[in-house]
Protein backbone atom coordinates (compact mmCIF):
# COMPACT_ATOMS: atom_id res chain seq x y z
CA UNK A 1 243.35 -117.58 -4.39
CA UNK A 2 243.67 -113.94 -4.36
CA UNK A 3 247.09 -112.74 -4.14
CA UNK A 4 246.29 -110.38 -1.22
CA UNK A 5 243.79 -112.61 0.59
CA UNK A 6 245.98 -112.86 3.72
CA UNK A 7 247.06 -109.37 3.75
CA UNK A 8 246.24 -106.88 6.52
CA UNK A 9 245.01 -103.68 5.33
CA UNK A 10 246.36 -100.40 6.79
CA UNK A 11 245.70 -96.69 6.20
CA UNK A 12 247.45 -93.41 7.07
CA UNK A 13 245.69 -91.08 9.48
CA UNK A 14 245.09 -88.73 6.65
CA UNK A 15 243.15 -91.49 4.80
CA UNK A 16 241.29 -92.32 8.00
CA UNK A 17 240.27 -88.62 8.48
CA UNK A 18 239.30 -88.24 5.02
CA UNK A 19 237.09 -91.34 5.19
CA UNK A 20 234.84 -89.81 7.21
CA UNK A 21 233.32 -88.54 4.27
CA UNK A 22 231.17 -91.39 2.68
CA UNK A 23 231.87 -90.64 -0.77
CA UNK A 24 235.61 -90.80 -0.37
CA UNK A 25 235.31 -93.87 1.90
CA UNK A 26 233.29 -95.68 -0.90
CA UNK A 27 235.96 -94.58 -3.49
CA UNK A 28 238.63 -96.03 -1.30
CA UNK A 29 236.74 -99.45 -1.12
CA UNK A 30 236.24 -99.41 -4.86
CA UNK A 31 239.89 -98.79 -5.32
CA UNK A 32 240.87 -101.71 -3.08
CA UNK A 33 238.59 -103.91 -5.04
CA UNK A 34 240.21 -102.80 -8.13
CA UNK A 35 243.70 -103.53 -6.70
CA UNK A 36 242.68 -106.92 -5.62
CA UNK A 37 241.70 -107.62 -9.02
CA UNK A 38 245.10 -106.56 -10.43
CA UNK A 39 243.55 -103.27 -11.87
CA UNK A 40 246.45 -100.98 -10.98
CA UNK A 41 244.44 -97.74 -11.67
CA UNK A 42 245.98 -94.83 -13.31
CA UNK A 43 249.64 -96.10 -13.82
CA UNK A 44 251.77 -95.74 -17.06
CA UNK A 45 252.15 -99.04 -18.98
CA UNK A 46 255.65 -99.30 -17.80
CA UNK A 47 254.59 -99.26 -14.18
CA UNK A 48 251.83 -101.84 -14.99
CA UNK A 49 254.28 -104.22 -16.55
CA UNK A 50 256.52 -103.74 -13.50
CA UNK A 51 253.79 -104.69 -11.31
CA UNK A 52 252.99 -107.72 -13.34
CA UNK A 53 256.64 -108.77 -13.00
CA UNK A 54 256.85 -108.06 -9.29
CA UNK A 55 253.92 -110.23 -8.40
CA UNK A 56 256.08 -113.27 -9.77
CA UNK A 57 258.39 -112.64 -6.90
CA UNK A 58 255.91 -111.11 -4.19
CA UNK A 59 257.79 -107.90 -4.53
CA UNK A 60 256.25 -104.44 -3.78
CA UNK A 61 253.35 -103.56 -6.14
CA UNK A 62 251.31 -100.40 -6.22
CA UNK A 63 248.25 -98.88 -7.50
CA UNK A 64 247.11 -95.20 -8.08
CA UNK A 65 243.67 -94.13 -8.03
CA UNK A 66 241.86 -90.77 -8.38
CA UNK A 67 239.20 -89.84 -5.85
CA UNK A 68 237.19 -86.86 -4.65
CA UNK A 69 240.03 -85.98 -2.14
CA UNK A 70 242.73 -86.40 -4.88
CA UNK A 71 244.89 -89.31 -5.75
CA UNK A 72 245.58 -92.23 -3.25
CA UNK A 73 248.09 -94.93 -3.49
CA UNK A 74 247.63 -98.43 -2.66
CA UNK A 75 250.97 -100.45 -1.95
CA UNK A 76 251.23 -104.23 -1.17
CA UNK A 77 254.41 -105.72 0.48
CA UNK A 78 255.54 -109.17 1.47
CA UNK A 79 257.66 -109.42 4.50
CA UNK A 80 258.21 -113.11 3.85
CA UNK A 81 258.81 -113.00 0.06
CA UNK A 82 256.11 -115.87 0.04
CA UNK A 83 252.78 -114.06 0.22
CA UNK A 84 251.51 -110.35 0.45
CA UNK A 85 250.89 -109.64 4.05
CA UNK A 86 250.52 -105.86 4.10
CA UNK A 87 248.52 -103.45 2.02
CA UNK A 88 248.77 -99.62 2.82
CA UNK A 89 246.26 -96.92 1.65
CA UNK A 90 247.75 -93.38 1.50
CA UNK A 91 247.90 -90.00 -0.24
CA UNK A 92 251.17 -89.56 -2.14
CA UNK A 93 252.22 -86.70 0.30
CA UNK A 94 251.99 -89.36 3.23
CA UNK A 95 254.75 -91.44 1.62
């Protein structure tokens, strides 16, 4: 089962507004697909290893992906500690 199968996906208003552009919207969907497959995007090796360790405990994991509208982040969190329940897509400046 995919780690993120039960997670609800959220986006910031800035992402929603930018997603009116079809090219960007497609890039966000591709980034989410990569994230679901544990391709963390444009992270340094240390952050990739931190994500891999965090998954063991359902701790926060993140990915970074370059798009036509700039870099986006995808962050997954677990409120329960037993499964990921929230994924947020945002621009770094939205954090």
